[in-house]
Amino acid sequence: MTSSPLYPDAVADPRRRDYLPPRRILYATAGDLAPDNPERLLTAGERQAQAEFQGPLCRLLPGAAILLDFGRELNGGVRLVTPASAGQVRTVRVRFGESAGEAMGTPNNDHAIHDTRLDLPPMGATEIGNTGFRFVRLDVPADAPAPLELAGVWAVALYRDLPYAGSFRCSDERLNQVWQTGAYTVHLNMQDYIYDGIKRDRLVWLGDLHPEVRVITTVFDDTALVPASLDFVRDRTPLPQFMNGISSYSVWWVIIQHDWYWHRGDLDYLKAQRDYLLRLLRQLAGYVGADGAETLPGGGFFDWPSNDNPVAIHAGMQALLAWGFAAGERLCRWLGEEAAAQACAAAHGRLSAHRPEAGNSKQANAFLALAGLADPGRVNREVLARDPFSGLSTFLGYYVLQARALAGDQAGALEVIRRYWGGMLDRGATTFWEDFDLAWLPGAGRIDALPLPGQKDLHADFGRYCYQGLRHSLCHGWAGGPTAWLSEQLLGAVPLAPGFAAARVQPQLFGLDWVQGTVPTPHGPLVVTAERRGDGSVARDVKVPSGVRLAEA
């Protein structure tokens, strides 16, 4: 980022600002308190304050309210444009909501202000908000001395203007919508750094970052925010501290470093991690017990649905630490650190000798299968494919999908995507959520409609742990994993050397009629198509950029 010619000590904001009008008015007070001319906000809203405006303005009496729907989840705030109004300051209550029910309720103010009273000047264009939202409710206090007039209300969308170099389309429109929604979810969370959520958890959580990085490398060419986010947490975590104060998140940092180098092939960046990486690996080796069991302090954070299940947590941490040392061994060999690589291999061997039970936890069993500590076929048959749509999490659901693919059950994984992630879409989601359970749906309404009497509010009435009720984030980057999974499995492009110097591309249909898309690499996009012919055979075509050596199928 370059400095400003006006302000040499400034740091430029790489993000873009767009103004979006409301798409519809979802609610307004009725009767004597019905707003005058609310349609102006939809069709003729002004962005610039003026001394005089043409035509009738939207007018809200004291005690009146209006709820605006901007059509999709956004990151940013709103601009309220006010006329002269006889020179008087007006007060308005502004409520942001990721759901209609949130904006109609009492949103919390964690991480960002979602519910506030604001004074509006005469002849002003006032902006408020830096959060995630789709809905905005405006209330004029009942004791206000005069009505509030509005010449315009605009959402101010703040985002990184990045083209989608990756793409995915197939014969199942449901899967296409999931892919796009996962990409959009992660895109919105690419702000100053890679956030976990744009409403709440506007922080760089290292463990949560792994599925987001998988999506970013699937969708974007401009990936500079990944090393910036990794370095942000590293530089604020002097060893022996753990990243974000969570032991497992330091393990995730090792795994992400491995995946990042494998995809991008940036050896200079990897070399810059050498000192911290080697010291961290030595520290983590101290948490492998004599019997091979992990002893990570605090048990480590696995995921929220497993948080009350110590058996699942231990199994998940065992698999994660084994995965981390396998990644560490390869990183050390790429760096020419043979002694450290052998130490990682020894730690991995001890961990692999301990095979903990994981109970019925889909997430923990999936991790054991992915880490080579359990048979993928057995795990899929006995746990993952049994009651396959329950007991999932939006964060670690990505790894459940991977474990099912490892067992050769991609068709079953596709059904999970259709039902579980698709279940959010069916209830009005335009981004994926911090957590979700299909058991929430019976008797619940949509998030883009007002809750009806006797109907459950899908946002306010559910959630656990730190995301109870309206604190629940409905745009959480860790939930975007299906975007990466669909491209990985159906387009089938796999690097065989760091930075895609070599690749294998084997597109598969798994019951679909056709699939097509692009996969970003440091050398340019791979272009992949596959289509089922009338005789049942599959025609495949792959276009490979210069610099990528395509291996034989």
Protein backbone atom coordinates (compact mmCIF):
# COMPACT_ATOMS: atom_id res chain seq x y z
CA MET A 1 0.00 0.00 0.00
CA THR A 2 1.40 3.38 -1.01
CA SER A 3 1.28 6.59 0.97
CA SER A 4 -0.99 9.45 0.05
CA PRO A 5 0.39 12.43 -1.92
CA LEU A 6 -1.54 14.67 0.50
CA TYR A 7 -0.68 12.75 3.68
CA PRO A 8 2.76 11.13 3.42
CA ASP A 9 2.32 9.25 6.72
CA ALA A 10 -1.04 7.78 5.72
CA VAL A 11 -1.73 4.10 5.00
CA ALA A 12 -3.91 3.59 1.95
CA ASP A 13 -7.10 1.55 2.25
CA PRO A 14 -7.05 -1.10 -0.50
CA ARG A 15 -10.79 -1.61 -0.29
CA ARG A 16 -13.53 -0.21 -2.50
CA ARG A 17 -16.65 1.68 -1.40
CA ASP A 18 -19.95 1.20 -3.21
CA TYR A 19 -23.33 2.77 -2.48
CA LEU A 20 -26.31 0.42 -2.74
CA PRO A 21 -29.99 1.44 -2.54
CA PRO A 22 -32.52 -0.57 -0.52
CA ARG A 23 -34.21 -3.35 -2.48
CA ARG A 24 -37.48 -3.33 -0.54
CA ILE A 25 -39.30 -2.04 2.52
CA LEU A 26 -39.94 -5.06 4.69
CA TYR A 27 -41.77 -3.31 7.52
CA ALA A 28 -43.17 0.11 8.37
CA THR A 29 -45.39 1.29 11.18
CA ALA A 30 -49.02 1.47 10.13
CA GLY A 31 -52.04 3.68 10.63
CA ASP A 32 -51.37 7.22 11.76
CA LEU A 33 -47.64 6.41 12.06
CA ALA A 34 -47.28 5.13 8.50
CA PRO A 35 -44.31 6.83 6.77
CA ASP A 36 -45.03 9.32 4.02
CA ASN A 37 -43.40 8.62 0.63
CA PRO A 38 -41.20 5.67 1.71
CA GLU A 39 -40.85 4.64 -1.93
CA ARG A 40 -38.48 7.59 -2.47
CA LEU A 41 -35.80 5.59 -0.65
CA LEU A 42 -36.13 2.80 -3.25
CA THR A 43 -36.35 4.78 -6.47
CA ALA A 44 -35.15 8.37 -6.09
CA GLY A 45 -32.88 8.46 -3.10
CA GLU A 46 -30.19 11.14 -2.99
CA ARG A 47 -26.60 10.60 -1.88
CA GLN A 48 -25.61 14.26 -1.73
CA ALA A 49 -27.14 16.72 0.73
CA GLN A 50 -28.68 19.86 -0.76
CA ALA A 51 -30.37 23.00 0.46
CA GLU A 52 -33.52 21.99 -1.43
CA PHE A 53 -34.67 18.65 -2.84
CA GLN A 54 -37.09 18.05 -5.65
CA GLY A 55 -40.23 16.10 -4.90
CA PRO A 56 -41.68 14.80 -1.63
CA LEU A 57 -39.27 13.32 0.88
CA CYS A 58 -39.68 10.22 3.03
CA ARG A 59 -41.19 11.49 6.29
CA LEU A 60 -41.24 9.58 9.59
CA LEU A 61 -43.36 10.91 12.44
CA PRO A 62 -42.27 10.60 16.08
CA GLY A 63 -42.82 6.96 17.04
CA ALA A 64 -42.61 5.74 13.43
CA ALA A 65 -40.20 3.11 12.09
CA ILE A 66 -39.16 1.55 8.79
CA LEU A 67 -37.17 -1.60 7.99
CA LEU A 68 -35.08 -1.63 4.82
CA ASP A 69 -33.75 -4.74 3.07
CA PHE A 70 -30.61 -4.26 0.96
CA GLY A 71 -31.00 -7.66 -0.67
CA ARG A 72 -27.84 -9.45 0.45
CA GLU A 73 -25.28 -9.51 3.24
CA LEU A 74 -22.89 -6.55 3.13
CA ASN A 75 -19.89 -5.27 5.07
CA GLY A 76 -20.01 -1.57 5.91
CA GLY A 77 -22.68 0.86 7.08
CA VAL A 78 -25.36 3.26 5.91
CA ARG A 79 -25.52 6.86 4.67
CA LEU A 80 -28.53 8.93 5.76
CA VAL A 81 -29.18 12.06 3.70
CA THR A 82 -31.23 14.77 5.43
CA PRO A 83 -32.71 18.06 4.21
CA ALA A 84 -32.71 21.48 5.87
CA SER A 85 -35.59 20.54 8.21
CA ALA A 86 -35.96 24.07 9.53
CA GLY A 87 -32.43 23.97 10.89
CA GLN A 88 -33.18 21.36 13.56
CA VAL A 89 -31.05 18.35 14.52
CA ARG A 90 -33.03 15.11 14.35
CA THR A 91 -32.42 11.91 16.37
CA VAL A 92 -32.86 8.42 14.94
CA ARG A 93 -32.28 4.94 16.29
CA VAL A 94 -30.36 2.75 13.80
CA ARG A 95 -30.41 -1.04 14.07
CA PHE A 96 -28.37 -3.29 11.78
CA GLY A 97 -29.37 -6.91 11.24
CA GLU A 98 -28.01 -9.91 9.43
CA SER A 99 -31.58 -11.16 9.69
CA ALA A 100 -34.85 -9.25 9.63
CA GLY A 101 -35.52 -10.47 13.16
CA GLU A 102 -32.20 -9.09 14.39
CA ALA A 103 -32.93 -5.61 13.05
CA MET A 104 -36.40 -5.76 14.62
CA GLY A 105 -34.99 -6.93 17.95
CA THR A 106 -32.19 -5.79 20.23
CA PRO A 107 -28.86 -6.49 18.51
CA ASN A 108 -25.75 -6.67 20.66
CA ASN A 109 -22.80 -4.36 20.15
CA ASP A 110 -19.93 -6.86 20.31
CA HIS A 111 -17.05 -6.08 17.92
CA ALA A 112 -19.11 -3.39 16.15
CA ILE A 113 -22.05 -1.12 16.88
CA HIS A 114 -25.29 -2.67 15.65
CA ASP A 115 -27.80 -0.65 17.70
CA THR A 116 -27.34 3.05 18.37
CA ARG A 117 -29.03 6.44 18.57
CA LEU A 118 -27.68 9.03 16.20
CA ASP A 119 -28.14 12.76 15.76
CA LEU A 120 -28.62 13.81 12.15
CA PRO A 121 -27.78 17.34 11.04
CA PRO A 122 -29.84 19.49 8.72
CA MET A 123 -28.46 19.43 5.18
CA GLY A 124 -26.17 16.48 5.92
CA ALA A 125 -25.06 13.11 4.60
CA THR A 126 -24.22 11.14 7.73
CA GLU A 127 -22.59 7.71 7.69
CA ILE A 128 -22.77 5.20 10.51
CA GLY A 129 -21.74 1.57 10.86
CA ASN A 130 -18.84 -0.76 10.22
CA THR A 131 -20.34 -4.21 10.51
CA GLY A 132 -22.05 -7.06 8.68
CA PHE A 133 -25.70 -6.55 7.80
CA ARG A 134 -28.48 -6.89 5.27
CA PHE A 135 -31.29 -5.09 7.07
CA VAL A 136 -31.46 -1.64 8.65
CA ARG A 137 -34.30 -0.41 10.84
CA LEU A 138 -34.75 3.31 11.46
CA ASP A 139 -36.88 4.54 14.40
CA VAL A 140 -37.81 8.10 15.29
CA PRO A 141 -38.11 8.43 19.09
CA ALA A 142 -41.69 8.89 20.27
CA ASP A 143 -40.66 12.02 22.17
CA ALA A 144 -38.95 13.61 19.17
CA PRO A 145 -40.01 17.28 18.74
CA ALA A 146 -40.64 16.93 15.01
CA PRO A 147 -40.76 14.36 12.17
CA LEU A 148 -37.62 13.08 10.48
CA GLU A 149 -37.30 13.69 6.76
CA LEU A 150 -34.99 11.58 4.64
CA ALA A 151 -33.87 12.32 1.09
CA GLY A 152 -31.99 9.04 0.79
CA VAL A 153 -30.73 5.98 2.65
CA TRP A 154 -27.86 4.03 1.11
CA ALA A 155 -25.83 1.06 2.19
CA VAL A 156 -22.09 1.78 2.07
CA ALA A 157 -20.46 -1.51 1.03
CA LEU A 158 -16.76 -1.83 1.85
CA TYR A 159 -14.90 -4.73 0.20
CA ARG A 160 -11.81 -5.75 -1.72
CA ASP A 161 -12.41 -5.42 -5.44
CA LEU A 162 -10.96 -8.78 -6.47
CA PRO A 163 -11.94 -10.62 -9.65
CA TYR A 164 -12.97 -14.24 -9.30
CA ALA A 165 -10.21 -16.06 -11.17
CA GLY A 166 -11.69 -19.37 -10.04
CA SER A 167 -15.09 -20.47 -11.25
CA PHE A 168 -17.41 -23.44 -10.97
CA ARG A 169 -20.58 -24.47 -12.79
CA CYS A 170 -22.32 -27.81 -13.05
CA SER A 171 -25.67 -29.30 -14.02
CA ASP A 172 -26.98 -28.95 -10.44
CA GLU A 173 -27.96 -25.33 -9.79
CA ARG A 174 -28.09 -26.00 -6.04
CA LEU A 175 -24.37 -26.79 -6.01
CA ASN A 176 -23.64 -23.71 -8.14
CA GLN A 177 -25.43 -21.54 -5.60
CA VAL A 178 -23.51 -23.12 -2.71
CA TRP A 179 -20.18 -22.53 -4.50
CA GLN A 180 -20.98 -18.86 -5.15
CA THR A 181 -22.30 -18.29 -1.62
CA GLY A 182 -19.20 -19.81 -0.02
CA ALA A 183 -16.97 -17.66 -2.22
CA TYR A 184 -18.97 -14.53 -1.35
CA THR A 185 -18.91 -15.37 2.37
CA VAL A 186 -15.11 -15.56 2.42
CA HIS A 187 -14.79 -12.54 0.11
CA LEU A 188 -16.73 -10.34 2.53
CA ASN A 189 -14.40 -11.43 5.33
CA MET A 190 -11.32 -10.28 3.38
CA GLN A 191 -11.14 -6.84 4.96
CA ASP A 192 -8.08 -5.28 6.69
CA TYR A 193 -7.05 -8.89 7.27
CA ILE A 194 -8.96 -12.14 6.91
CA TYR A 195 -11.73 -11.94 9.47
CA ASP A 196 -13.77 -14.80 10.86
CA GLY A 197 -17.02 -12.84 10.73
CA ILE A 198 -17.91 -9.35 9.52
CA LYS A 199 -20.52 -8.73 12.23
CA ARG A 200 -18.90 -10.51 15.17
CA ASP A 201 -15.43 -12.05 15.39
CA ARG A 202 -13.88 -9.31 13.28
CA LEU A 203 -10.56 -10.85 14.31
CA VAL A 204 -7.82 -12.98 12.77
CA TRP A 205 -8.43 -16.43 14.28
CA LEU A 206 -5.68 -18.74 13.05
CA GLY A 207 -7.52 -22.05 13.28
CA ASP A 208 -10.59 -20.66 11.58
CA LEU A 209 -8.36 -19.44 8.77
CA HIS A 210 -7.61 -22.83 7.23
CA PRO A 211 -10.88 -23.38 5.32
CA GLU A 212 -10.87 -19.70 4.37
CA VAL A 213 -7.39 -20.02 2.84
CA ARG A 214 -8.58 -23.07 0.92
CA VAL A 215 -11.42 -20.99 -0.51
CA ILE A 216 -9.17 -18.01 -1.28
CA THR A 217 -6.74 -20.14 -3.30
CA THR A 218 -9.74 -21.68 -5.08
CA VAL A 219 -11.29 -18.34 -6.05
CA PHE A 220 -8.70 -15.56 -6.23
CA ASP A 221 -5.43 -14.74 -7.95
CA ASP A 222 -4.66 -11.88 -5.55
CA THR A 223 -3.86 -13.79 -2.38
CA ALA A 224 -1.60 -11.30 -0.59
CA LEU A 225 -3.99 -11.08 2.35
CA VAL A 226 -3.15 -14.67 3.35
CA PRO A 227 0.53 -14.12 4.30
CA ALA A 228 -0.41 -10.72 5.76
CA SER A 229 -2.89 -12.42 8.10
CA LEU A 230 -0.53 -15.26 8.99
CA ASP A 231 2.23 -12.80 9.80
CA PHE A 232 -0.13 -10.54 11.76
CA VAL A 233 -0.80 -13.27 14.32
CA ARG A 234 2.77 -14.65 14.27
CA ASP A 235 4.26 -11.24 15.01
CA ARG A 236 1.91 -10.82 17.98
CA THR A 237 2.53 -14.29 19.40
CA PRO A 238 6.05 -14.56 20.84
CA LEU A 239 6.88 -18.15 21.68
CA PRO A 240 6.11 -20.02 23.88
CA GLN A 241 2.69 -18.34 23.70
CA PHE A 242 0.04 -19.96 21.53
CA MET A 243 -1.67 -18.13 18.71
CA ASN A 244 -4.95 -16.54 19.81
CA GLY A 245 -4.21 -18.14 23.20
CA ILE A 246 -5.28 -21.57 21.86
CA SER A 247 -2.71 -24.36 21.54
CA SER A 248 -4.39 -26.02 18.55
CA TYR A 249 -4.32 -22.73 16.62
CA SER A 250 -0.52 -22.77 16.58
CA VAL A 251 -0.77 -26.24 15.02
CA TRP A 252 -3.12 -24.83 12.40
CA TRP A 253 -0.50 -22.18 11.58
CA VAL A 254 1.96 -24.94 10.63
CA ILE A 255 -0.66 -26.66 8.46
CA ILE A 256 -1.60 -23.43 6.68
CA GLN A 257 2.07 -22.65 6.02
CA HIS A 258 2.35 -26.06 4.38
CA ASP A 259 -0.76 -25.63 2.24
CA TRP A 260 0.23 -22.10 1.28
CA TYR A 261 3.65 -23.13 0.04
CA TRP A 262 2.21 -26.17 -1.73
CA HIS A 263 -0.21 -23.95 -3.65
CA ARG A 264 1.92 -20.84 -4.23
CA GLY A 265 5.51 -22.15 -4.20
CA ASP A 266 6.87 -18.94 -2.64
CA LEU A 267 10.16 -20.18 -1.16
CA ASP A 268 11.26 -16.71 -0.06
CA TYR A 269 8.15 -16.40 2.10
CA LEU A 270 8.67 -19.86 3.54
CA LYS A 271 12.29 -19.03 4.39
CA ALA A 272 11.07 -15.99 6.32
CA GLN A 273 9.16 -18.40 8.61
CA ARG A 274 12.18 -20.61 9.31
CA ASP A 275 13.15 -19.43 12.79
CA TYR A 276 9.62 -19.23 14.18
CA LEU A 277 8.59 -22.51 12.55
CA LEU A 278 11.54 -24.51 13.90
CA ARG A 279 11.10 -23.18 17.43
CA LEU A 280 7.34 -23.82 17.32
CA LEU A 281 7.80 -27.40 16.12
CA ARG A 282 10.26 -28.07 18.94
CA GLN A 283 7.73 -26.67 21.40
CA LEU A 284 4.87 -28.75 20.01
CA ALA A 285 6.99 -31.92 20.21
CA GLY A 286 6.90 -31.47 23.98
CA TYR A 287 3.16 -32.15 23.92
CA VAL A 288 3.49 -35.71 22.66
CA GLY A 289 3.23 -38.06 25.64
CA ALA A 290 5.33 -41.15 26.22
CA ASP A 291 2.39 -43.28 25.02
CA GLY A 292 1.98 -41.13 21.89
CA ALA A 293 -1.08 -39.29 23.16
CA GLU A 294 -1.30 -35.54 22.62
CA THR A 295 -1.12 -33.40 25.74
CA LEU A 296 -1.86 -29.97 24.28
CA PRO A 297 -2.55 -27.44 27.07
CA GLY A 298 -6.18 -26.71 27.72
CA GLY A 299 -7.24 -29.56 25.48
CA GLY A 300 -7.19 -27.25 22.48
CA PHE A 301 -10.23 -25.85 20.72
CA PHE A 302 -11.65 -28.29 18.16
CA ASP A 303 -15.05 -26.86 17.23
CA TRP A 304 -18.12 -25.61 19.07
CA PRO A 305 -20.41 -28.64 18.59
CA SER A 306 -17.68 -30.84 20.13
CA ASN A 307 -16.94 -28.47 22.99
CA ASP A 308 -18.70 -30.59 25.64
CA ASN A 309 -17.28 -33.89 24.36
CA PRO A 310 -13.80 -34.56 25.81
CA VAL A 311 -13.50 -37.84 23.87
CA ALA A 312 -14.06 -36.03 20.57
CA ILE A 313 -11.75 -33.18 21.55
CA HIS A 314 -8.86 -35.53 22.38
CA ALA A 315 -9.35 -37.54 19.19
CA GLY A 316 -9.53 -34.36 17.13
CA MET A 317 -6.43 -32.88 18.75
CA GLN A 318 -4.57 -36.18 18.30
CA ALA A 319 -5.32 -36.14 14.60
CA LEU A 320 -4.62 -32.43 14.24
CA LEU A 321 -1.22 -32.67 15.91
CA ALA A 322 -0.30 -35.69 13.77
CA TRP A 323 -1.36 -33.73 10.69
CA GLY A 324 0.71 -30.77 11.91
CA PHE A 325 3.88 -32.83 12.28
CA ALA A 326 3.38 -34.43 8.84
CA ALA A 327 3.13 -30.90 7.43
CA GLY A 328 6.09 -29.78 9.54
CA GLU A 329 8.27 -32.59 8.20
CA ARG A 330 7.65 -31.53 4.61
CA LEU A 331 8.19 -27.84 5.43
CA CYS A 332 11.51 -28.63 7.08
CA ARG A 333 12.66 -30.69 4.10
CA TRP A 334 11.74 -27.86 1.72
CA LEU A 335 13.85 -25.60 3.92
CA GLY A 336 16.78 -28.06 3.94
CA GLU A 337 16.41 -28.63 7.71
CA GLU A 338 16.92 -32.40 7.73
CA ALA A 339 17.42 -32.82 11.48
CA ALA A 340 14.20 -30.93 12.20
CA ALA A 341 12.39 -32.98 9.53
CA GLN A 342 13.49 -36.20 11.22
CA ALA A 343 12.33 -34.89 14.60
CA CYS A 344 8.92 -34.14 13.08
CA ALA A 345 8.78 -37.62 11.55
CA ALA A 346 9.58 -39.15 14.94
CA ALA A 347 6.84 -37.12 16.66
CA HIS A 348 4.41 -38.08 13.92
CA GLY A 349 5.32 -41.75 14.37
CA ARG A 350 4.65 -41.63 18.11
CA LEU A 351 1.32 -39.87 17.57
CA SER A 352 0.29 -42.39 14.91
CA ALA A 353 0.78 -45.24 17.37
CA HIS A 354 -1.95 -43.85 19.63
CA ARG A 355 -5.41 -44.47 18.13
CA PRO A 356 -8.05 -42.84 20.34
CA GLU A 357 -11.76 -43.50 20.15
CA ALA A 358 -13.87 -40.67 18.78
CA GLY A 359 -17.35 -41.84 19.71
CA ASN A 360 -20.04 -40.67 17.30
CA SER A 361 -18.43 -37.31 16.60
CA LYS A 362 -18.42 -36.84 12.84
CA GLN A 363 -15.75 -34.16 13.06
CA ALA A 364 -13.33 -36.13 15.25
CA ASN A 365 -13.76 -39.32 13.22
CA ALA A 366 -13.21 -37.38 10.00
CA PHE A 367 -9.96 -35.93 11.35
CA LEU A 368 -8.71 -39.37 12.40
CA ALA A 369 -9.37 -40.64 8.87
CA LEU A 370 -7.68 -37.65 7.23
CA ALA A 371 -4.62 -37.98 9.49
CA GLY A 372 -4.24 -41.69 8.73
CA LEU A 373 -5.22 -42.73 12.26
CA ALA A 374 -8.40 -44.53 11.23
CA ASP A 375 -9.65 -46.41 8.19
CA PRO A 376 -11.60 -43.94 5.98
CA GLY A 377 -14.01 -46.61 4.72
CA ARG A 378 -14.93 -47.74 8.22
CA VAL A 379 -15.28 -44.16 9.47
CA ASN A 380 -17.53 -43.28 6.57
CA ARG A 381 -19.62 -46.43 6.85
CA GLU A 382 -20.04 -46.47 10.64
CA VAL A 383 -20.18 -42.74 11.44
CA LEU A 384 -20.27 -40.23 8.60
CA ALA A 385 -22.89 -41.92 6.42
CA ARG A 386 -25.14 -42.74 9.37
CA ASP A 387 -27.70 -40.00 9.92
CA PRO A 388 -25.44 -37.94 7.65
CA PHE A 389 -27.15 -34.56 8.06
CA SER A 390 -26.96 -34.30 11.86
CA GLY A 391 -24.08 -33.51 14.19
CA LEU A 392 -22.29 -31.32 11.64
CA SER A 393 -20.60 -27.96 12.02
CA THR A 394 -20.12 -25.30 9.38
CA PHE A 395 -16.42 -25.04 10.35
CA LEU A 396 -15.33 -28.68 10.45
CA GLY A 397 -18.02 -29.82 8.03
CA TYR A 398 -15.47 -29.17 5.30
CA TYR A 399 -13.25 -31.92 6.74
CA VAL A 400 -16.22 -34.29 7.00
CA LEU A 401 -16.69 -33.76 3.26
CA GLN A 402 -12.99 -34.45 2.69
CA ALA A 403 -13.11 -37.65 4.74
CA ARG A 404 -16.12 -38.88 2.79
CA ALA A 405 -14.26 -38.21 -0.46
CA LEU A 406 -11.22 -40.06 0.91
CA ALA A 407 -13.55 -43.04 1.42
CA GLY A 408 -14.78 -42.73 -2.17
CA ASP A 409 -18.20 -41.43 -1.13
CA GLN A 410 -18.27 -38.14 -3.01
CA ALA A 411 -21.92 -38.74 -3.88
CA GLY A 412 -22.80 -38.84 -0.18
CA ALA A 413 -20.78 -35.68 0.43
CA LEU A 414 -22.69 -33.90 -2.34
CA GLU A 415 -25.96 -34.75 -0.62
CA VAL A 416 -24.62 -33.25 2.61
CA ILE A 417 -23.79 -30.05 0.73
CA ARG A 418 -27.25 -29.94 -0.86
CA ARG A 419 -29.12 -30.54 2.39
CA TYR A 420 -26.95 -28.90 5.06
CA TRP A 421 -25.46 -25.83 3.39
CA GLY A 422 -28.49 -25.71 1.10
CA GLY A 423 -30.69 -25.62 4.20
CA MET A 424 -29.33 -22.15 5.00
CA LEU A 425 -30.03 -20.99 1.45
CA ASP A 426 -33.61 -22.27 1.70
CA ARG A 427 -34.20 -19.94 4.65
CA GLY A 428 -32.94 -16.79 2.96
CA ALA A 429 -29.18 -16.92 3.59
CA THR A 430 -26.90 -15.05 1.19
CA THR A 431 -23.81 -16.00 3.22
CA PHE A 432 -23.04 -19.05 5.37
CA TRP A 433 -23.31 -19.05 9.14
CA GLU A 434 -21.10 -19.53 12.17
CA ASP A 435 -23.05 -22.68 13.00
CA PHE A 436 -26.19 -24.40 11.78
CA ASP A 437 -28.26 -27.46 12.55
CA LEU A 438 -31.05 -28.82 10.37
CA ALA A 439 -32.92 -29.59 13.60
CA TRP A 440 -33.49 -25.84 13.97
CA LEU A 441 -35.69 -25.66 10.87
CA PRO A 442 -39.03 -27.25 11.84
CA GLY A 443 -41.38 -24.46 12.88
CA ALA A 444 -38.86 -21.72 12.06
CA GLY A 445 -39.26 -18.94 9.51
CA ARG A 446 -36.85 -17.34 7.08
CA ILE A 447 -34.15 -14.85 8.03
CA ASP A 448 -35.37 -12.46 5.31
CA ALA A 449 -38.95 -12.33 6.62
CA LEU A 450 -40.52 -11.02 9.79
CA PRO A 451 -41.08 -13.74 12.40
CA LEU A 452 -44.76 -14.64 12.60
CA PRO A 453 -46.64 -15.19 15.88
CA GLY A 454 -45.97 -18.72 17.13
CA GLN A 455 -43.10 -19.19 14.70
CA LYS A 456 -39.51 -19.74 15.82
CA ASP A 457 -37.00 -17.04 14.94
CA LEU A 458 -34.17 -18.92 13.24
CA HIS A 459 -31.67 -16.29 14.37
CA ALA A 460 -32.82 -15.29 17.85
CA ASP A 461 -34.02 -18.64 19.19
CA PHE A 462 -31.00 -20.85 18.45
CA GLY A 463 -27.24 -21.05 18.87
CA ARG A 464 -25.05 -22.08 21.81
CA TYR A 465 -21.82 -21.19 23.56
CA CYS A 466 -20.60 -17.75 22.46
CA TYR A 467 -23.13 -17.48 19.62
CA GLN A 468 -26.44 -17.64 21.43
CA GLY A 469 -29.34 -15.83 19.81
CA LEU A 470 -28.60 -12.62 17.97
CA ARG A 471 -24.89 -12.83 18.78
CA HIS A 472 -24.78 -15.62 16.18
CA SER A 473 -22.82 -14.53 13.10
CA LEU A 474 -24.59 -15.19 9.79
CA CYS A 475 -21.50 -14.45 7.68
CA HIS A 476 -18.62 -16.59 8.95
CA GLY A 477 -15.66 -17.29 6.72
CA TRP A 478 -14.97 -20.72 8.19
CA ALA A 479 -18.29 -21.92 6.73
CA GLY A 480 -17.21 -21.48 3.08
CA GLY A 481 -15.43 -24.85 2.79
CA PRO A 482 -17.81 -26.40 0.20
CA THR A 483 -16.56 -23.89 -2.37
CA ALA A 484 -13.07 -25.32 -2.11
CA TRP A 485 -14.34 -28.90 -1.87
CA LEU A 486 -16.50 -28.70 -5.01
CA SER A 487 -13.60 -27.37 -7.08
CA GLU A 488 -11.15 -29.86 -5.57
CA GLN A 489 -13.33 -32.90 -6.12
CA LEU A 490 -15.32 -32.18 -9.29
CA LEU A 491 -12.78 -30.14 -11.24
CA GLY A 492 -10.14 -32.45 -9.82
CA ALA A 493 -7.06 -30.23 -10.13
CA VAL A 494 -4.35 -31.27 -7.66
CA PRO A 495 -0.81 -29.79 -7.44
CA LEU A 496 1.89 -32.43 -7.52
CA ALA A 497 4.73 -30.00 -6.76
CA PRO A 498 4.91 -26.67 -4.92
CA GLY A 499 3.36 -23.79 -6.80
CA PHE A 500 1.59 -26.05 -9.32
CA ALA A 501 4.84 -26.71 -11.14
CA ALA A 502 3.20 -30.05 -11.84
CA ALA A 503 -0.44 -31.03 -11.54
CA ARG A 504 -2.89 -33.84 -12.03
CA VAL A 505 -6.31 -32.86 -13.37
CA GLN A 506 -9.03 -35.51 -13.29
CA PRO A 507 -12.53 -33.96 -13.41
CA GLN A 508 -15.29 -36.22 -12.10
CA LEU A 509 -19.08 -36.00 -12.36
CA PHE A 510 -20.30 -38.16 -9.44
CA GLY A 511 -23.78 -38.40 -10.94
CA LEU A 512 -23.88 -34.94 -12.56
CA ASP A 513 -24.37 -34.38 -16.29
CA TRP A 514 -21.58 -31.83 -16.70
CA VAL A 515 -19.11 -29.65 -14.83
CA GLN A 516 -16.89 -26.79 -15.91
CA GLY A 517 -14.68 -24.26 -14.22
CA THR A 518 -11.30 -22.65 -13.68
CA VAL A 519 -8.70 -23.24 -10.99
CA PRO A 520 -6.23 -20.41 -10.21
CA THR A 521 -2.52 -21.25 -10.13
CA PRO A 522 0.55 -18.97 -9.90
CA HIS A 523 0.97 -19.55 -13.66
CA GLY A 524 -2.58 -18.72 -14.68
CA PRO A 525 -5.87 -20.63 -14.59
CA LEU A 526 -6.43 -24.27 -15.36
CA VAL A 527 -9.59 -24.60 -17.46
CA VAL A 528 -11.53 -27.82 -16.92
CA THR A 529 -14.68 -29.28 -18.47
CA ALA A 530 -16.33 -32.69 -18.29
CA GLU A 531 -19.63 -33.80 -19.85
CA ARG A 532 -21.53 -37.06 -19.97
CA ARG A 533 -22.18 -38.25 -23.51
CA GLY A 534 -25.31 -40.00 -24.67
CA ASP A 535 -23.62 -43.40 -24.46
CA GLY A 536 -22.72 -42.82 -20.80
CA SER A 537 -19.03 -42.10 -21.38
CA VAL A 538 -17.50 -38.83 -20.17
CA ALA A 539 -15.74 -36.31 -22.39
CA ARG A 540 -13.04 -34.34 -20.55
CA ASP A 541 -11.01 -31.34 -21.64
CA VAL A 542 -8.23 -29.58 -19.74
CA LYS A 543 -6.36 -26.43 -20.76
CA VAL A 544 -3.11 -25.95 -18.84
CA PRO A 545 -1.16 -22.66 -18.61
CA SER A 546 2.50 -22.48 -19.47
CA GLY A 547 4.58 -23.37 -16.43
CA VAL A 548 2.35 -26.24 -15.27
CA ARG A 549 3.44 -29.74 -16.23
CA LEU A 550 0.40 -31.96 -16.54
CA ALA A 551 0.90 -35.48 -15.22
CA GLU A 552 -0.65 -38.46 -16.94
CA ALA A 553 -4.06 -39.45 -15.63
